Amino acid sequence: MAEKWEKVRAELSHAFSTKSGPELFPTEDLALLERVADAVVKRGMAAPATVFLESLGPMNFLGSQALYFLTPIVEWAFQAKEVEQVARLLERRDTISRLIAIIETKSAPQVPPQAPQGASAQ
């Protein structure tokens, strides 16, 4: 009986968990996030985009559902495959934080490698 109770308890402990294990992004999803980050950084909008994405974070799932609802209208301007891909990405909790990390990495100033301290400049 105790063994059965432990099994039920173990199953229920995961049933209501809001945290999921780290899932890997497929290559095509990472490529889309990279394109979005490149466009943001190219336009010099890294800081405003980061602030916007941080504030949007808790509502990303609602955004994905709205995008599914608006797909027939949005398809006039964008490809249906990309709209569906963005909606699917927004369903994941870690997408916003991943996009922010990519934007911050791409917008960080590039520091040239320094010469060793023992070397003299001639």
N, C-alpha and C. Protein backbone atom coordinates (compact mmCIF):
# COMPACT_ATOMS: atom_id res chain seq x y z
N MET A 1 0.82 -1.19 0.00
CA MET A 1 0.00 0.00 0.00
C MET A 1 0.87 1.26 0.00
N ALA A 2 1.92 1.26 0.79
CA ALA A 2 2.81 2.42 0.87
C ALA A 2 3.49 2.66 -0.47
N GLU A 3 3.80 1.59 -1.17
CA GLU A 3 4.45 1.69 -2.48
C GLU A 3 3.51 2.36 -3.48
N LYS A 4 2.25 1.99 -3.43
CA LYS A 4 1.26 2.58 -4.32
C LYS A 4 1.07 4.07 -4.02
N TRP A 5 1.04 4.41 -2.74
CA TRP A 5 0.88 5.80 -2.33
C TRP A 5 2.06 6.65 -2.82
N GLU A 6 3.28 6.12 -2.73
CA GLU A 6 4.48 6.85 -3.19
C GLU A 6 4.42 7.08 -4.70
N LYS A 7 3.93 6.10 -5.42
CA LYS A 7 3.81 6.25 -6.88
C LYS A 7 2.82 7.36 -7.23
N VAL A 8 1.67 7.36 -6.56
CA VAL A 8 0.65 8.40 -6.81
C VAL A 8 1.20 9.77 -6.43
N ARG A 9 1.88 9.85 -5.31
CA ARG A 9 2.46 11.12 -4.86
C ARG A 9 3.51 11.64 -5.84
N ALA A 10 4.33 10.74 -6.36
CA ALA A 10 5.35 11.15 -7.33
C ALA A 10 4.73 11.66 -8.62
N GLU A 11 3.66 11.00 -9.06
CA GLU A 11 3.00 11.45 -10.29
C GLU A 11 2.31 12.79 -10.09
N LEU A 12 1.68 13.00 -8.94
CA LEU A 12 0.99 14.26 -8.68
C LEU A 12 1.95 15.43 -8.47
N SER A 13 3.15 15.15 -8.00
CA SER A 13 4.10 16.24 -7.80
C SER A 13 4.49 16.90 -9.11
N HIS A 14 4.41 16.15 -10.20
CA HIS A 14 4.74 16.72 -11.52
C HIS A 14 3.50 17.22 -12.26
N ALA A 15 2.33 16.79 -11.81
CA ALA A 15 1.10 17.14 -12.53
C ALA A 15 0.81 18.63 -12.50
N PHE A 16 1.14 19.29 -11.40
CA PHE A 16 0.81 20.70 -11.26
C PHE A 16 2.04 21.59 -11.28
N SER A 17 3.12 21.09 -11.78
CA SER A 17 4.36 21.85 -11.84
C SER A 17 4.26 22.90 -12.94
N THR A 18 4.70 24.11 -12.63
CA THR A 18 4.71 25.17 -13.64
C THR A 18 6.07 25.32 -14.29
N LYS A 19 7.05 24.64 -13.76
CA LYS A 19 8.39 24.69 -14.34
C LYS A 19 8.60 23.46 -15.20
N SER A 20 9.14 23.70 -16.36
CA SER A 20 9.45 22.58 -17.23
C SER A 20 10.96 22.49 -17.38
N GLY A 21 11.40 21.34 -17.76
CA GLY A 21 12.83 21.15 -17.96
C GLY A 21 13.30 21.95 -19.16
N PRO A 22 14.59 22.18 -19.25
CA PRO A 22 15.10 22.95 -20.38
C PRO A 22 14.91 22.18 -21.69
N GLU A 23 14.20 22.80 -22.60
CA GLU A 23 13.98 22.20 -23.91
C GLU A 23 14.88 22.90 -24.91
N LEU A 24 15.37 22.13 -25.85
CA LEU A 24 16.22 22.70 -26.88
C LEU A 24 15.37 23.31 -27.98
N PHE A 25 15.87 24.39 -28.53
CA PHE A 25 15.20 25.03 -29.65
C PHE A 25 15.63 24.32 -30.93
N PRO A 26 14.69 24.02 -31.82
CA PRO A 26 15.09 23.49 -33.13
C PRO A 26 15.89 24.53 -33.90
N THR A 27 16.67 24.08 -34.84
CA THR A 27 17.54 24.97 -35.63
C THR A 27 16.76 26.06 -36.33
N GLU A 28 15.60 25.72 -36.89
CA GLU A 28 14.82 26.74 -37.62
C GLU A 28 14.27 27.80 -36.68
N ASP A 29 13.96 27.43 -35.44
CA ASP A 29 13.49 28.42 -34.46
C ASP A 29 14.62 29.35 -34.05
N LEU A 30 15.80 28.77 -33.84
CA LEU A 30 16.96 29.61 -33.50
C LEU A 30 17.31 30.56 -34.64
N ALA A 31 17.17 30.08 -35.86
CA ALA A 31 17.46 30.94 -37.02
C ALA A 31 16.48 32.11 -37.06
N LEU A 32 15.21 31.87 -36.75
CA LEU A 32 14.22 32.96 -36.73
C LEU A 32 14.55 33.95 -35.62
N LEU A 33 14.90 33.47 -34.44
CA LEU A 33 15.27 34.37 -33.34
C LEU A 33 16.51 35.18 -33.71
N GLU A 34 17.47 34.55 -34.38
CA GLU A 34 18.67 35.27 -34.83
C GLU A 34 18.31 36.37 -35.83
N ARG A 35 17.40 36.08 -36.76
CA ARG A 35 16.98 37.10 -37.74
C ARG A 35 16.29 38.27 -37.06
N VAL A 36 15.44 37.97 -36.09
CA VAL A 36 14.76 39.04 -35.36
C VAL A 36 15.77 39.88 -34.60
N ALA A 37 16.71 39.23 -33.92
CA ALA A 37 17.74 39.95 -33.16
C ALA A 37 18.61 40.80 -34.09
N ASP A 38 18.98 40.25 -35.24
CA ASP A 38 19.77 41.02 -36.20
C ASP A 38 19.03 42.27 -36.65
N ALA A 39 17.74 42.14 -36.94
CA ALA A 39 16.94 43.29 -37.38
C ALA A 39 16.86 44.35 -36.29
N VAL A 40 16.69 43.91 -35.05
CA VAL A 40 16.59 44.86 -33.92
C VAL A 40 17.91 45.59 -33.74
N VAL A 41 19.02 44.86 -33.73
CA VAL A 41 20.33 45.48 -33.50
C VAL A 41 20.71 46.38 -34.68
N LYS A 42 20.41 45.95 -35.90
CA LYS A 42 20.73 46.74 -37.10
C LYS A 42 20.04 48.11 -37.06
N ARG A 43 18.86 48.16 -36.50
CA ARG A 43 18.11 49.42 -36.42
C ARG A 43 18.44 50.22 -35.16
N GLY A 44 19.36 49.72 -34.34
CA GLY A 44 19.75 50.44 -33.13
C GLY A 44 18.67 50.44 -32.06
N MET A 45 17.86 49.41 -32.03
CA MET A 45 16.73 49.35 -31.11
C MET A 45 16.91 48.29 -30.02
N ALA A 46 18.15 47.94 -29.70
CA ALA A 46 18.41 46.86 -28.74
C ALA A 46 17.84 47.19 -27.35
N ALA A 47 18.12 48.40 -26.85
CA ALA A 47 17.65 48.75 -25.50
C ALA A 47 16.12 48.83 -25.43
N PRO A 48 15.45 49.56 -26.34
CA PRO A 48 13.98 49.59 -26.26
C PRO A 48 13.35 48.21 -26.46
N ALA A 49 13.92 47.41 -27.35
CA ALA A 49 13.37 46.08 -27.59
C ALA A 49 13.53 45.20 -26.35
N THR A 50 14.65 45.33 -25.66
CA THR A 50 14.86 44.55 -24.45
C THR A 50 13.86 44.93 -23.37
N VAL A 51 13.65 46.22 -23.19
CA VAL A 51 12.67 46.68 -22.20
C VAL A 51 11.27 46.20 -22.57
N PHE A 52 10.93 46.32 -23.83
CA PHE A 52 9.61 45.87 -24.29
C PHE A 52 9.43 44.38 -24.07
N LEU A 53 10.44 43.60 -24.44
CA LEU A 53 10.34 42.15 -24.28
C LEU A 53 10.27 41.73 -22.82
N GLU A 54 11.03 42.42 -21.96
CA GLU A 54 10.97 42.13 -20.52
C GLU A 54 9.56 42.38 -19.98
N SER A 55 8.91 43.45 -20.43
CA SER A 55 7.56 43.74 -19.95
C SER A 55 6.53 42.81 -20.56
N LEU A 56 6.83 42.27 -21.72
CA LEU A 56 5.91 41.37 -22.42
C LEU A 56 5.99 39.94 -21.90
N GLY A 57 7.09 39.60 -21.26
CA GLY A 57 7.37 38.23 -20.84
C GLY A 57 6.21 37.47 -20.22
N PRO A 58 5.55 38.00 -19.20
CA PRO A 58 4.48 37.23 -18.58
C PRO A 58 3.27 36.99 -19.48
N MET A 59 3.15 37.75 -20.56
CA MET A 59 1.97 37.62 -21.41
C MET A 59 2.28 36.97 -22.76
N ASN A 60 3.43 36.30 -22.88
CA ASN A 60 3.80 35.74 -24.17
C ASN A 60 2.81 34.68 -24.66
N PHE A 61 2.24 33.89 -23.76
CA PHE A 61 1.29 32.87 -24.19
C PHE A 61 0.02 33.52 -24.74
N LEU A 62 -0.45 34.60 -24.10
CA LEU A 62 -1.64 35.29 -24.62
C LEU A 62 -1.35 35.88 -26.00
N GLY A 63 -0.12 36.37 -26.18
CA GLY A 63 0.26 36.89 -27.49
C GLY A 63 0.24 35.82 -28.56
N SER A 64 0.68 34.62 -28.20
CA SER A 64 0.67 33.53 -29.18
C SER A 64 -0.76 33.17 -29.58
N GLN A 65 -1.66 33.17 -28.60
CA GLN A 65 -3.05 32.83 -28.91
C GLN A 65 -3.71 33.92 -29.75
N ALA A 66 -3.37 35.18 -29.48
CA ALA A 66 -3.89 36.28 -30.30
C ALA A 66 -3.37 36.17 -31.73
N LEU A 67 -2.11 35.75 -31.87
CA LEU A 67 -1.53 35.60 -33.20
C LEU A 67 -2.24 34.49 -33.97
N TYR A 68 -2.57 33.40 -33.29
CA TYR A 68 -3.34 32.34 -33.96
C TYR A 68 -4.70 32.88 -34.42
N PHE A 69 -5.32 33.68 -33.58
CA PHE A 69 -6.63 34.25 -33.90
C PHE A 69 -6.53 35.20 -35.10
N LEU A 70 -5.46 35.99 -35.16
CA LEU A 70 -5.30 36.99 -36.21
C LEU A 70 -4.58 36.46 -37.45
N THR A 71 -4.26 35.19 -37.49
CA THR A 71 -3.50 34.62 -38.60
C THR A 71 -4.11 34.94 -39.97
N PRO A 72 -5.41 34.83 -40.18
CA PRO A 72 -5.94 35.15 -41.52
C PRO A 72 -5.64 36.58 -41.96
N ILE A 73 -5.59 37.50 -41.04
CA ILE A 73 -5.31 38.89 -41.38
C ILE A 73 -3.80 39.10 -41.56
N VAL A 74 -3.02 38.54 -40.65
CA VAL A 74 -1.57 38.73 -40.67
C VAL A 74 -0.93 38.05 -41.88
N GLU A 75 -1.58 37.00 -42.40
CA GLU A 75 -1.03 36.28 -43.56
C GLU A 75 -0.96 37.16 -44.81
N TRP A 76 -1.68 38.26 -44.84
CA TRP A 76 -1.59 39.17 -45.98
C TRP A 76 -0.23 39.83 -46.05
N ALA A 77 0.40 40.03 -44.89
CA ALA A 77 1.68 40.73 -44.85
C ALA A 77 2.87 39.78 -44.65
N PHE A 78 2.63 38.64 -44.04
CA PHE A 78 3.72 37.72 -43.72
C PHE A 78 3.38 36.32 -44.22
N GLN A 79 4.40 35.49 -44.35
CA GLN A 79 4.18 34.11 -44.77
C GLN A 79 3.51 33.33 -43.64
N ALA A 80 2.58 32.47 -44.00
CA ALA A 80 1.82 31.71 -43.01
C ALA A 80 2.74 30.84 -42.16
N LYS A 81 3.76 30.29 -42.76
CA LYS A 81 4.68 29.41 -42.02
C LYS A 81 5.40 30.17 -40.91
N GLU A 82 5.84 31.39 -41.22
CA GLU A 82 6.54 32.19 -40.21
C GLU A 82 5.60 32.66 -39.10
N VAL A 83 4.36 32.99 -39.45
CA VAL A 83 3.38 33.40 -38.44
C VAL A 83 3.14 32.24 -37.47
N GLU A 84 2.97 31.06 -38.01
CA GLU A 84 2.75 29.88 -37.16
C GLU A 84 3.98 29.59 -36.30
N GLN A 85 5.16 29.77 -36.88
CA GLN A 85 6.40 29.52 -36.14
C GLN A 85 6.55 30.51 -34.98
N VAL A 86 6.24 31.77 -35.21
CA VAL A 86 6.31 32.78 -34.15
C VAL A 86 5.29 32.47 -33.06
N ALA A 87 4.09 32.11 -33.45
CA ALA A 87 3.05 31.78 -32.46
C ALA A 87 3.48 30.58 -31.62
N ARG A 88 4.07 29.57 -32.26
CA ARG A 88 4.53 28.39 -31.53
C ARG A 88 5.67 28.75 -30.58
N LEU A 89 6.55 29.63 -31.03
CA LEU A 89 7.66 30.06 -30.17
C LEU A 89 7.16 30.83 -28.96
N LEU A 90 6.15 31.66 -29.16
CA LEU A 90 5.63 32.47 -28.06
C LEU A 90 4.93 31.62 -27.00
N GLU A 91 4.53 30.41 -27.35
CA GLU A 91 3.91 29.53 -26.37
C GLU A 91 4.92 29.06 -25.32
N ARG A 92 6.19 29.06 -25.67
CA ARG A 92 7.23 28.60 -24.75
C ARG A 92 7.62 29.73 -23.81
N ARG A 93 7.80 29.39 -22.55
CA ARG A 93 8.15 30.40 -21.54
C ARG A 93 9.54 30.97 -21.73
N ASP A 94 10.46 30.18 -22.27
CA ASP A 94 11.85 30.62 -22.34
C ASP A 94 12.21 31.34 -23.63
N THR A 95 11.26 31.53 -24.53
CA THR A 95 11.56 32.19 -25.80
C THR A 95 11.95 33.64 -25.61
N ILE A 96 11.22 34.37 -24.80
CA ILE A 96 11.49 35.80 -24.60
C ILE A 96 12.88 35.98 -23.99
N SER A 97 13.21 35.21 -22.97
CA SER A 97 14.53 35.36 -22.35
C SER A 97 15.63 34.96 -23.32
N ARG A 98 15.38 33.97 -24.16
CA ARG A 98 16.39 33.57 -25.16
C ARG A 98 16.60 34.67 -26.18
N LEU A 99 15.51 35.29 -26.65
CA LEU A 99 15.62 36.39 -27.62
C LEU A 99 16.35 37.58 -27.00
N ILE A 100 16.07 37.90 -25.76
CA ILE A 100 16.76 39.00 -25.08
C ILE A 100 18.26 38.70 -25.00
N ALA A 101 18.61 37.48 -24.67
CA ALA A 101 20.03 37.10 -24.58
C ALA A 101 20.73 37.24 -25.93
N ILE A 102 20.06 36.84 -27.00
CA ILE A 102 20.64 36.96 -28.34
C ILE A 102 20.83 38.42 -28.71
N ILE A 103 19.82 39.26 -28.42
CA ILE A 103 19.92 40.69 -28.72
C ILE A 103 21.06 41.32 -27.94
N GLU A 104 21.18 40.99 -26.65
CA GLU A 104 22.25 41.56 -25.83
C GLU A 104 23.62 41.12 -26.33
N THR A 105 23.74 39.88 -26.76
CA THR A 105 25.02 39.39 -27.28
C THR A 105 25.39 40.11 -28.57
N LYS A 106 24.43 40.28 -29.45
CA LYS A 106 24.71 40.94 -30.74
C LYS A 106 24.95 42.44 -30.60
N SER A 107 24.38 43.06 -29.57
CA SER A 107 24.55 44.50 -29.41
C SER A 107 25.72 44.87 -28.51
N ALA A 108 26.36 43.88 -27.89
CA ALA A 108 27.50 44.16 -27.01
C ALA A 108 28.65 44.70 -27.84
N PRO A 109 29.35 45.70 -27.33
CA PRO A 109 30.49 46.23 -28.08
C PRO A 109 31.57 45.17 -28.21
N GLN A 110 32.12 45.09 -29.40
CA GLN A 110 33.18 44.12 -29.67
C GLN A 110 34.52 44.71 -29.25
N VAL A 111 35.19 44.05 -28.32
CA VAL A 111 36.48 44.50 -27.83
C VAL A 111 37.56 43.76 -28.61
N PRO A 112 38.49 44.50 -29.25
CA PRO A 112 39.55 43.82 -29.99
C PRO A 112 40.47 43.08 -29.03
N PRO A 113 41.03 41.95 -29.46
CA PRO A 113 41.94 41.22 -28.58
C PRO A 113 43.17 42.05 -28.27
N GLN A 114 43.62 41.97 -27.03
CA GLN A 114 44.78 42.76 -26.61
C GLN A 114 46.05 41.93 -26.75
N ALA A 115 47.15 42.63 -26.99
CA ALA A 115 48.45 41.97 -27.08
C ALA A 115 48.89 41.55 -25.68
N PRO A 116 49.65 40.48 -25.58
CA PRO A 116 50.15 40.07 -24.26
C PRO A 116 50.93 41.20 -23.60
N GLN A 117 50.92 41.25 -22.27
CA GLN A 117 51.55 42.34 -21.55
C GLN A 117 53.07 42.36 -21.73
N GLY A 118 53.66 41.23 -21.97
CA GLY A 118 55.11 41.18 -22.13
C GLY A 118 55.59 41.73 -23.45
N ALA A 119 54.72 41.83 -24.43
CA ALA A 119 55.10 42.30 -25.76
C ALA A 119 55.14 43.83 -25.78
N SER A 120 56.12 44.38 -26.43
CA SER A 120 56.22 45.84 -26.52
C SER A 120 55.78 46.30 -27.89
N ALA A 121 55.14 47.45 -27.94
CA ALA A 121 54.69 48.02 -29.21
C ALA A 121 55.84 48.79 -29.83
N GLN A 122 56.22 48.41 -31.02
CA GLN A 122 57.33 49.10 -31.69
C GLN A 122 56.87 49.76 -32.95
